[in-house]
Amino acid sequence: MSYSVIVRPEAEEDVESAYRWYQRKSRDRGTYFLRVVRALLGTIERNPGIYPKVYQDVHRALLRGFPYAIYYVEEGDVIHVVACTHTRRHPRRWRSRI
């Protein structure tokens, strides 16, 4: 099955905010963060069921090398990315986006 990934505006802002933070620390680190996010989104697009459901129908995929997680919901052949949040901050904040 072929899936489409839609990154909601709130999730885009999450990624952008984290990118800016890492970019201030090190230009290479910010760029690497974006590459890891893109790679994980590609994995989710190819096989969204491999990551566990953590709340109702919401899946969580952890970013390798960063303390962030991507939260997403499958709706038919569409994957809605609802958040990309730091795993130690406001762990339930993303739930209001469902």
PDB file of N, CA and C in Angstrom:
ATOM      1  N   MET A   1       0.829  -1.180   0.000  1.00  0.00           N
ATOM      2  CA  MET A   1       0.000   0.000   0.000  1.00  0.00           C
ATOM      3  C   MET A   1       0.874   1.245   0.000  1.00  0.00           C
ATOM      4  N   SER A   2       0.454   2.244  -0.723  1.00  0.00           N
ATOM      5  CA  SER A   2       1.177   3.503  -0.807  1.00  0.00           C
ATOM      6  C   SER A   2       0.526   4.526   0.121  1.00  0.00           C
ATOM      7  N   TYR A   3       1.341   5.190   0.905  1.00  0.00           N
ATOM      8  CA  TYR A   3       0.844   6.161   1.872  1.00  0.00           C
ATOM      9  C   TYR A   3       1.298   7.570   1.489  1.00  0.00           C
ATOM     10  N   SER A   4       0.488   8.540   1.872  1.00  0.00           N
ATOM     11  CA  SER A   4       0.863   9.949   1.768  1.00  0.00           C
ATOM     12  C   SER A   4       1.086  10.458   3.176  1.00  0.00           C
ATOM     13  N   VAL A   5       2.107  11.276   3.346  1.00  0.00           N
ATOM     14  CA  VAL A   5       2.394  11.845   4.662  1.00  0.00           C
ATOM     15  C   VAL A   5       2.054  13.331   4.636  1.00  0.00           C
ATOM     16  N   ILE A   6       1.220  13.737   5.576  1.00  0.00           N
ATOM     17  CA  ILE A   6       0.880  15.141   5.744  1.00  0.00           C
ATOM     18  C   ILE A   6       1.415  15.573   7.102  1.00  0.00           C
ATOM     19  N   VAL A   7       2.300  16.547   7.082  1.00  0.00           N
ATOM     20  CA  VAL A   7       2.844  17.094   8.326  1.00  0.00           C
ATOM     21  C   VAL A   7       2.011  18.323   8.654  1.00  0.00           C
ATOM     22  N   ARG A   8       1.271  18.234   9.730  1.00  0.00           N
ATOM     23  CA  ARG A   8       0.414  19.349  10.134  1.00  0.00           C
ATOM     24  C   ARG A   8       1.258  20.566  10.511  1.00  0.00           C
ATOM     25  N   PRO A   9       0.696  21.766  10.369  1.00  0.00           N
ATOM     26  CA  PRO A   9       1.469  22.992  10.656  1.00  0.00           C
ATOM     27  C   PRO A   9       2.098  23.021  12.045  1.00  0.00           C
ATOM     28  N   GLU A  10       1.392  22.500  13.044  1.00  0.00           N
ATOM     29  CA  GLU A  10       1.951  22.495  14.398  1.00  0.00           C
ATOM     30  C   GLU A  10       3.195  21.623  14.469  1.00  0.00           C
ATOM     31  N   ALA A  11       3.165  20.496  13.775  1.00  0.00           N
ATOM     32  CA  ALA A  11       4.325  19.605  13.747  1.00  0.00           C
ATOM     33  C   ALA A  11       5.475  20.236  12.967  1.00  0.00           C
ATOM     34  N   GLU A  12       5.155  20.945  11.878  1.00  0.00           N
ATOM     35  CA  GLU A  12       6.198  21.652  11.130  1.00  0.00           C
ATOM     36  C   GLU A  12       6.884  22.679  12.022  1.00  0.00           C
ATOM     37  N   GLU A  13       6.101  23.377  12.835  1.00  0.00           N
ATOM     38  CA  GLU A  13       6.672  24.365  13.748  1.00  0.00           C
ATOM     39  C   GLU A  13       7.534  23.682  14.813  1.00  0.00           C
ATOM     40  N   ASP A  14       7.116  22.513  15.287  1.00  0.00           N
ATOM     41  CA  ASP A  14       7.933  21.747  16.236  1.00  0.00           C
ATOM     42  C   ASP A  14       9.308  21.450  15.644  1.00  0.00           C
ATOM     43  N   VAL A  15       9.312  20.960  14.417  1.00  0.00           N
ATOM     44  CA  VAL A  15      10.572  20.604  13.744  1.00  0.00           C
ATOM     45  C   VAL A  15      11.423  21.852  13.528  1.00  0.00           C
ATOM     46  N   GLU A  16      10.793  22.915  13.067  1.00  0.00           N
ATOM     47  CA  GLU A  16      11.518  24.168  12.807  1.00  0.00           C
ATOM     48  C   GLU A  16      12.124  24.718  14.092  1.00  0.00           C
ATOM     49  N   SER A  17      11.387  24.674  15.177  1.00  0.00           N
ATOM     50  CA  SER A  17      11.886  25.168  16.460  1.00  0.00           C
ATOM     51  C   SER A  17      13.095  24.360  16.928  1.00  0.00           C
ATOM     52  N   ALA A  18      13.000  23.052  16.836  1.00  0.00           N
ATOM     53  CA  ALA A  18      14.121  22.192  17.239  1.00  0.00           C
ATOM     54  C   ALA A  18      15.326  22.426  16.327  1.00  0.00           C
ATOM     55  N   TYR A  19      15.061  22.556  15.037  1.00  0.00           N
ATOM     56  CA  TYR A  19      16.143  22.817  14.077  1.00  0.00           C
ATOM     57  C   TYR A  19      16.877  24.104  14.446  1.00  0.00           C
ATOM     58  N   ARG A  20      16.113  25.167  14.702  1.00  0.00           N
ATOM     59  CA  ARG A  20      16.740  26.446  15.055  1.00  0.00           C
ATOM     60  C   ARG A  20      17.590  26.309  16.318  1.00  0.00           C
ATOM     61  N   TRP A  21      17.097  25.558  17.305  1.00  0.00           N
ATOM     62  CA  TRP A  21      17.855  25.371  18.541  1.00  0.00           C
ATOM     63  C   TRP A  21      19.173  24.654  18.257  1.00  0.00           C
ATOM     64  N   TYR A  22      19.108  23.569  17.498  1.00  0.00           N
ATOM     65  CA  TYR A  22      20.334  22.834  17.175  1.00  0.00           C
ATOM     66  C   TYR A  22      21.244  23.651  16.266  1.00  0.00           C
ATOM     67  N   GLN A  23      20.662  24.441  15.384  1.00  0.00           N
ATOM     68  CA  GLN A  23      21.460  25.273  14.477  1.00  0.00           C
ATOM     69  C   GLN A  23      22.267  26.303  15.264  1.00  0.00           C
ATOM     70  N   ARG A  24      21.694  26.845  16.337  1.00  0.00           N
ATOM     71  CA  ARG A  24      22.431  27.795  17.173  1.00  0.00           C
ATOM     72  C   ARG A  24      23.611  27.111  17.859  1.00  0.00           C
ATOM     73  N   LYS A  25      23.439  25.845  18.220  1.00  0.00           N
ATOM     74  CA  LYS A  25      24.523  25.105  18.872  1.00  0.00           C
ATOM     75  C   LYS A  25      25.625  24.771  17.878  1.00  0.00           C
ATOM     76  N   SER A  26      25.201  24.308  16.688  1.00  0.00           N
ATOM     77  CA  SER A  26      26.160  23.909  15.661  1.00  0.00           C
ATOM     78  C   SER A  26      25.421  23.759  14.337  1.00  0.00           C
ATOM     79  N   ARG A  27      25.917  24.435  13.311  1.00  0.00           N
ATOM     80  CA  ARG A  27      25.260  24.375  12.008  1.00  0.00           C
ATOM     81  C   ARG A  27      25.129  22.926  11.530  1.00  0.00           C
ATOM     82  N   ASP A  28      26.151  22.147  11.725  1.00  0.00           N
ATOM     83  CA  ASP A  28      26.093  20.749  11.291  1.00  0.00           C
ATOM     84  C   ASP A  28      25.035  19.966  12.065  1.00  0.00           C
ATOM     85  N   ARG A  29      24.875  20.266  13.329  1.00  0.00           N
ATOM     86  CA  ARG A  29      23.904  19.535  14.150  1.00  0.00           C
ATOM     87  C   ARG A  29      22.473  19.836  13.706  1.00  0.00           C
ATOM     88  N   GLY A  30      22.185  21.076  13.382  1.00  0.00           N
ATOM     89  CA  GLY A  30      20.858  21.437  12.895  1.00  0.00           C
ATOM     90  C   GLY A  30      20.535  20.747  11.579  1.00  0.00           C
ATOM     91  N   THR A  31      21.493  20.746  10.682  1.00  0.00           N
ATOM     92  CA  THR A  31      21.310  20.074   9.388  1.00  0.00           C
ATOM     93  C   THR A  31      21.126  18.578   9.577  1.00  0.00           C
ATOM     94  N   TYR A  32      21.903  18.009  10.472  1.00  0.00           N
ATOM     95  CA  TYR A  32      21.783  16.577  10.743  1.00  0.00           C
ATOM     96  C   TYR A  32      20.421  16.247  11.338  1.00  0.00           C
ATOM     97  N   PHE A  33      19.923  17.098  12.219  1.00  0.00           N
ATOM     98  CA  PHE A  33      18.597  16.896  12.805  1.00  0.00           C
ATOM     99  C   PHE A  33      17.544  16.801  11.703  1.00  0.00           C
ATOM    100  N   LEU A  34      17.576  17.727  10.752  1.00  0.00           N
ATOM    101  CA  LEU A  34      16.604  17.688   9.652  1.00  0.00           C
ATOM    102  C   LEU A  34      16.735  16.412   8.821  1.00  0.00           C
ATOM    103  N   ARG A  35      17.955  15.962   8.586  1.00  0.00           N
ATOM    104  CA  ARG A  35      18.141  14.708   7.837  1.00  0.00           C
ATOM    105  C   ARG A  35      17.548  13.520   8.574  1.00  0.00           C
ATOM    106  N   VAL A  36      17.723  13.482   9.886  1.00  0.00           N
ATOM    107  CA  VAL A  36      17.169  12.390  10.684  1.00  0.00           C
ATOM    108  C   VAL A  36      15.640  12.435  10.648  1.00  0.00           C
ATOM    109  N   VAL A  37      15.068  13.630  10.745  1.00  0.00           N
ATOM    110  CA  VAL A  37      13.606  13.769  10.667  1.00  0.00           C
ATOM    111  C   VAL A  37      13.110  13.277   9.314  1.00  0.00           C
ATOM    112  N   ARG A  38      13.738  13.726   8.227  1.00  0.00           N
ATOM    113  CA  ARG A  38      13.313  13.303   6.881  1.00  0.00           C
ATOM    114  C   ARG A  38      13.424  11.796   6.697  1.00  0.00           C
ATOM    115  N   ALA A  39      14.502  11.216   7.197  1.00  0.00           N
ATOM    116  CA  ALA A  39      14.682   9.766   7.074  1.00  0.00           C
ATOM    117  C   ALA A  39      13.597   9.019   7.841  1.00  0.00           C
ATOM    118  N   LEU A  40      13.288   9.496   9.035  1.00  0.00           N
ATOM    119  CA  LEU A  40      12.249   8.841   9.832  1.00  0.00           C
ATOM    120  C   LEU A  40      10.882   8.985   9.169  1.00  0.00           C
ATOM    121  N   LEU A  41      10.590  10.149   8.610  1.00  0.00           N
ATOM    122  CA  LEU A  41       9.324  10.322   7.894  1.00  0.00           C
ATOM    123  C   LEU A  41       9.243   9.374   6.697  1.00  0.00           C
ATOM    124  N   GLY A  42      10.363   9.145   6.031  1.00  0.00           N
ATOM    125  CA  GLY A  42      10.394   8.189   4.930  1.00  0.00           C
ATOM    126  C   GLY A  42      10.105   6.771   5.393  1.00  0.00           C
ATOM    127  N   THR A  43      10.659   6.403   6.532  1.00  0.00           N
ATOM    128  CA  THR A  43      10.400   5.074   7.099  1.00  0.00           C
ATOM    129  C   THR A  43       8.930   4.942   7.485  1.00  0.00           C
ATOM    130  N   ILE A  44       8.379   5.981   8.086  1.00  0.00           N
ATOM    131  CA  ILE A  44       6.960   5.968   8.460  1.00  0.00           C
ATOM    132  C   ILE A  44       6.098   5.834   7.211  1.00  0.00           C
ATOM    133  N   GLU A  45       6.450   6.549   6.165  1.00  0.00           N
ATOM    134  CA  GLU A  45       5.682   6.501   4.917  1.00  0.00           C
ATOM    135  C   GLU A  45       5.684   5.092   4.314  1.00  0.00           C
ATOM    136  N   ARG A  46       6.820   4.427   4.369  1.00  0.00           N
ATOM    137  CA  ARG A  46       6.926   3.084   3.792  1.00  0.00           C
ATOM    138  C   ARG A  46       6.241   2.014   4.630  1.00  0.00           C
ATOM    139  N   ASN A  47       6.289   2.178   5.960  1.00  0.00           N
ATOM    140  CA  ASN A  47       5.744   1.146   6.826  1.00  0.00           C
ATOM    141  C   ASN A  47       5.280   1.750   8.156  1.00  0.00           C
ATOM    142  N   PRO A  48       4.139   2.413   8.149  1.00  0.00           N
ATOM    143  CA  PRO A  48       3.708   3.129   9.355  1.00  0.00           C
ATOM    144  C   PRO A  48       3.375   2.232  10.540  1.00  0.00           C
ATOM    145  N   GLY A  49       3.109   0.975  10.310  1.00  0.00           N
ATOM    146  CA  GLY A  49       2.719   0.086  11.399  1.00  0.00           C
ATOM    147  C   GLY A  49       3.850  -0.420  12.259  1.00  0.00           C
ATOM    148  N   ILE A  50       5.098  -0.112  11.914  1.00  0.00           N
ATOM    149  CA  ILE A  50       6.213  -0.664  12.690  1.00  0.00           C
ATOM    150  C   ILE A  50       6.431   0.042  14.023  1.00  0.00           C
ATOM    151  N   TYR A  51       5.872   1.245  14.169  1.00  0.00           N
ATOM    152  CA  TYR A  51       6.054   1.966  15.422  1.00  0.00           C
ATOM    153  C   TYR A  51       4.834   1.773  16.314  1.00  0.00           C
ATOM    154  N   PRO A  52       5.053   1.688  17.614  1.00  0.00           N
ATOM    155  CA  PRO A  52       3.949   1.353  18.526  1.00  0.00           C
ATOM    156  C   PRO A  52       2.926   2.478  18.686  1.00  0.00           C
ATOM    157  N   LYS A  53       1.716   2.056  18.970  1.00  0.00           N
ATOM    158  CA  LYS A  53       0.679   3.009  19.348  1.00  0.00           C
ATOM    159  C   LYS A  53       0.877   3.311  20.830  1.00  0.00           C
ATOM    160  N   VAL A  54       0.852   4.595  21.156  1.00  0.00           N
ATOM    161  CA  VAL A  54       1.094   4.999  22.538  1.00  0.00           C
ATOM    162  C   VAL A  54      -0.120   5.643  23.192  1.00  0.00           C
ATOM    163  N   TYR A  55      -1.094   6.020  22.388  1.00  0.00           N
ATOM    164  CA  TYR A  55      -2.306   6.641  22.916  1.00  0.00           C
ATOM    165  C   TYR A  55      -3.371   6.542  21.838  1.00  0.00           C
ATOM    166  N   GLN A  56      -4.450   5.857  22.142  1.00  0.00           N
ATOM    167  CA  GLN A  56      -5.521   5.613  21.178  1.00  0.00           C
ATOM    168  C   GLN A  56      -4.906   5.092  19.870  1.00  0.00           C
ATOM    169  N   ASP A  57      -5.078   5.809  18.765  1.00  0.00           N
ATOM    170  CA  ASP A  57      -4.511   5.367  17.484  1.00  0.00           C
ATOM    171  C   ASP A  57      -3.248   6.123  17.105  1.00  0.00           C
ATOM    172  N   VAL A  58      -2.614   6.773  18.055  1.00  0.00           N
ATOM    173  CA  VAL A  58      -1.427   7.578  17.787  1.00  0.00           C
ATOM    174  C   VAL A  58      -0.170   6.724  17.952  1.00  0.00           C
ATOM    175  N   HIS A  59       0.664   6.748  16.915  1.00  0.00           N
ATOM    176  CA  HIS A  59       1.947   6.039  16.931  1.00  0.00           C
ATOM    177  C   HIS A  59       3.050   7.003  17.350  1.00  0.00           C
ATOM    178  N   ARG A  60       4.121   6.441  17.922  1.00  0.00           N
ATOM    179  CA  ARG A  60       5.298   7.239  18.282  1.00  0.00           C
ATOM    180  C   ARG A  60       6.530   6.609  17.669  1.00  0.00           C
ATOM    181  N   ALA A  61       7.303   7.436  16.966  1.00  0.00           N
ATOM    182  CA  ALA A  61       8.576   7.001  16.392  1.00  0.00           C
ATOM    183  C   ALA A  61       9.675   7.888  16.973  1.00  0.00           C
ATOM    184  N   LEU A  62      10.689   7.273  17.552  1.00  0.00           N
ATOM    185  CA  LEU A  62      11.777   8.020  18.179  1.00  0.00           C
ATOM    186  C   LEU A  62      12.859   8.358  17.157  1.00  0.00           C
ATOM    187  N   LEU A  63      13.391   9.577  17.250  1.00  0.00           N
ATOM    188  CA  LEU A  63      14.471   9.993  16.364  1.00  0.00           C
ATOM    189  C   LEU A  63      15.793   9.440  16.879  1.00  0.00           C
ATOM    190  N   ARG A  64      16.537   8.839  16.003  1.00  0.00           N
ATOM    191  CA  ARG A  64      17.843   8.290  16.378  1.00  0.00           C
ATOM    192  C   ARG A  64      18.829   9.439  16.612  1.00  0.00           C
ATOM    193  N   GLY A  65      19.442   9.435  17.789  1.00  0.00           N
ATOM    194  CA  GLY A  65      20.466  10.422  18.106  1.00  0.00           C
ATOM    195  C   GLY A  65      19.951  11.737  18.672  1.00  0.00           C
ATOM    196  N   PHE A  66      18.644  11.860  18.815  1.00  0.00           N
ATOM    197  CA  PHE A  66      18.043  13.077  19.349  1.00  0.00           C
ATOM    198  C   PHE A  66      16.932  12.699  20.322  1.00  0.00           C
ATOM    199  N   PRO A  67      16.711  13.510  21.343  1.00  0.00           N
ATOM    200  CA  PRO A  67      15.649  13.193  22.320  1.00  0.00           C
ATOM    201  C   PRO A  67      14.272  13.689  21.860  1.00  0.00           C
ATOM    202  N   TYR A  68      13.910  13.353  20.643  1.00  0.00           N
ATOM    203  CA  TYR A  68      12.643  13.775  20.054  1.00  0.00           C
ATOM    204  C   TYR A  68      11.868  12.570  19.546  1.00  0.00           C
ATOM    205  N   ALA A  69      10.548  12.749  19.483  1.00  0.00           N
ATOM    206  CA  ALA A  69       9.670  11.709  18.949  1.00  0.00           C
ATOM    207  C   ALA A  69       8.684  12.344  17.976  1.00  0.00           C
ATOM    208  N   ILE A  70       8.345  11.588  16.952  1.00  0.00           N
ATOM    209  CA  ILE A  70       7.322  11.996  16.002  1.00  0.00           C
ATOM    210  C   ILE A  70       6.065  11.204  16.336  1.00  0.00           C
ATOM    211  N   TYR A  71       4.952  11.926  16.455  1.00  0.00           N
ATOM    212  CA  TYR A  71       3.656  11.310  16.736  1.00  0.00           C
ATOM    213  C   TYR A  71       2.792  11.438  15.495  1.00  0.00           C
ATOM    214  N   TYR A  72       2.148  10.335  15.121  1.00  0.00           N
ATOM    215  CA  TYR A  72       1.360  10.352  13.894  1.00  0.00           C
ATOM    216  C   TYR A  72       0.171   9.409  13.986  1.00  0.00           C
ATOM    217  N   VAL A  73      -0.808   9.668  13.108  1.00  0.00           N
ATOM    218  CA  VAL A  73      -2.032   8.888  13.050  1.00  0.00           C
ATOM    219  C   VAL A  73      -2.224   8.430  11.607  1.00  0.00           C
ATOM    220  N   GLU A  74      -2.606   7.165  11.434  1.00  0.00           N
ATOM    221  CA  GLU A  74      -2.952   6.641  10.114  1.00  0.00           C
ATOM    222  C   GLU A  74      -4.447   6.812   9.890  1.00  0.00           C
ATOM    223  N   GLU A  75      -4.814   7.334   8.733  1.00  0.00           N
ATOM    224  CA  GLU A  75      -6.217   7.417   8.338  1.00  0.00           C
ATOM    225  C   GLU A  75      -6.297   6.918   6.904  1.00  0.00           C
ATOM    226  N   GLY A  76      -6.583   5.640   6.758  1.00  0.00           N
ATOM    227  CA  GLY A  76      -6.597   5.038   5.429  1.00  0.00           C
ATOM    228  C   GLY A  76      -5.196   5.035   4.849  1.00  0.00           C
ATOM    229  N   ASP A  77      -5.035   5.664   3.689  1.00  0.00           N
ATOM    230  CA  ASP A  77      -3.718   5.718   3.057  1.00  0.00           C
ATOM    231  C   ASP A  77      -3.002   7.045   3.316  1.00  0.00           C
ATOM    232  N   VAL A  78      -3.478   7.790   4.319  1.00  0.00           N
ATOM    233  CA  VAL A  78      -2.868   9.069   4.690  1.00  0.00           C
ATOM    234  C   VAL A  78      -2.327   8.980   6.113  1.00  0.00           C
ATOM    235  N   ILE A  79      -1.121   9.491   6.288  1.00  0.00           N
ATOM    236  CA  ILE A  79      -0.489   9.551   7.605  1.00  0.00           C
ATOM    237  C   ILE A  79      -0.420  11.023   8.000  1.00  0.00           C
ATOM    238  N   HIS A  80      -1.019  11.346   9.134  1.00  0.00           N
ATOM    239  CA  HIS A  80      -1.004  12.716   9.642  1.00  0.00           C
ATOM    240  C   HIS A  80       0.014  12.806  10.767  1.00  0.00           C
ATOM    241  N   VAL A  81       1.063  13.589  10.550  1.00  0.00           N
ATOM    242  CA  VAL A  81       2.054  13.830  11.596  1.00  0.00           C
ATOM    243  C   VAL A  81       1.520  14.976  12.442  1.00  0.00           C
ATOM    244  N   VAL A  82       1.275  14.685  13.725  1.00  0.00           N
ATOM    245  CA  VAL A  82       0.651  15.681  14.596  1.00  0.00           C
ATOM    246  C   VAL A  82       1.645  16.425  15.473  1.00  0.00           C
ATOM    247  N   ALA A  83       2.833  15.842  15.706  1.00  0.00           N
ATOM    248  CA  ALA A  83       3.802  16.508  16.578  1.00  0.00           C
ATOM    249  C   ALA A  83       5.191  15.916  16.406  1.00  0.00           C
ATOM    250  N   CYS A  84       6.176  16.735  16.738  1.00  0.00           N
ATOM    251  CA  CYS A  84       7.565  16.292  16.862  1.00  0.00           C
ATOM    252  C   CYS A  84       8.061  16.975  18.127  1.00  0.00           C
ATOM    253  N   THR A  85       8.049  16.235  19.224  1.00  0.00           N
ATOM    254  CA  THR A  85       8.320  16.861  20.514  1.00  0.00           C
ATOM    255  C   THR A  85       9.512  16.243  21.232  1.00  0.00           C
ATOM    256  N   HIS A  86      10.109  17.065  22.090  1.00  0.00           N
ATOM    257  CA  HIS A  86      11.193  16.616  22.951  1.00  0.00           C
ATOM    258  C   HIS A  86      10.604  15.599  23.923  1.00  0.00           C
ATOM    259  N   THR A  87      11.275  14.504  24.109  1.00  0.00           N
ATOM    260  CA  THR A  87      10.716  13.418  24.922  1.00  0.00           C
ATOM    261  C   THR A  87      10.692  13.720  26.419  1.00  0.00           C
ATOM    262  N   ARG A  88      11.386  14.750  26.857  1.00  0.00           N
ATOM    263  CA  ARG A  88      11.395  15.075  28.290  1.00  0.00           C
ATOM    264  C   ARG A  88      10.584  16.315  28.627  1.00  0.00           C
ATOM    265  N   ARG A  89       9.963  16.905  27.628  1.00  0.00           N
ATOM    266  CA  ARG A  89       9.176  18.107  27.876  1.00  0.00           C
ATOM    267  C   ARG A  89       7.712  17.855  27.553  1.00  0.00           C
ATOM    268  N   HIS A  90       6.843  18.245  28.435  1.00  0.00           N
ATOM    269  CA  HIS A  90       5.407  18.187  28.203  1.00  0.00           C
ATOM    270  C   HIS A  90       4.994  16.909  27.463  1.00  0.00           C
ATOM    271  N   PRO A  91       5.155  15.761  28.065  1.00  0.00           N
ATOM    272  CA  PRO A  91       4.928  14.510  27.358  1.00  0.00           C
ATOM    273  C   PRO A  91       3.523  14.321  26.801  1.00  0.00           C
ATOM    274  N   ARG A  92       2.549  15.040  27.330  1.00  0.00           N
ATOM    275  CA  ARG A  92       1.188  14.864  26.822  1.00  0.00           C
ATOM    276  C   ARG A  92       0.687  16.066  26.031  1.00  0.00           C
ATOM    277  N   ARG A  93       1.523  17.034  25.809  1.00  0.00           N
ATOM    278  CA  ARG A  93       1.118  18.247  25.100  1.00  0.00           C
ATOM    279  C   ARG A  93       0.557  17.941  23.707  1.00  0.00           C
ATOM    280  N   TRP A  94       1.112  16.983  23.041  1.00  0.00           N
ATOM    281  CA  TRP A  94       0.686  16.649  21.679  1.00  0.00           C
ATOM    282  C   TRP A  94      -0.713  16.069  21.630  1.00  0.00           C
ATOM    283  N   ARG A  95      -1.211  15.557  22.744  1.00  0.00           N
ATOM    284  CA  ARG A  95      -2.552  14.924  22.747  1.00  0.00           C
ATOM    285  C   ARG A  95      -3.653  15.916  22.376  1.00  0.00           C
ATOM    286  N   SER A  96      -3.483  17.162  22.669  1.00  0.00           N
ATOM    287  CA  SER A  96      -4.512  18.149  22.319  1.00  0.00           C
ATOM    288  C   SER A  96      -4.605  18.361  20.815  1.00  0.00           C
ATOM    289  N   ARG A  97      -3.649  17.846  20.055  1.00  0.00           N
ATOM    290  CA  ARG A  97      -3.629  18.039  18.604  1.00  0.00           C
ATOM    291  C   ARG A  97      -4.372  16.938  17.841  1.00  0.00           C
ATOM    292  N   ILE A  98      -4.867  15.961  18.550  1.00  0.00           N
ATOM    293  CA  ILE A  98      -5.543  14.836  17.885  1.00  0.00           C
ATOM    294  C   ILE A  98      -6.953  15.219  17.493  1.00  0.00           C
TER     295      ILE A  98
END
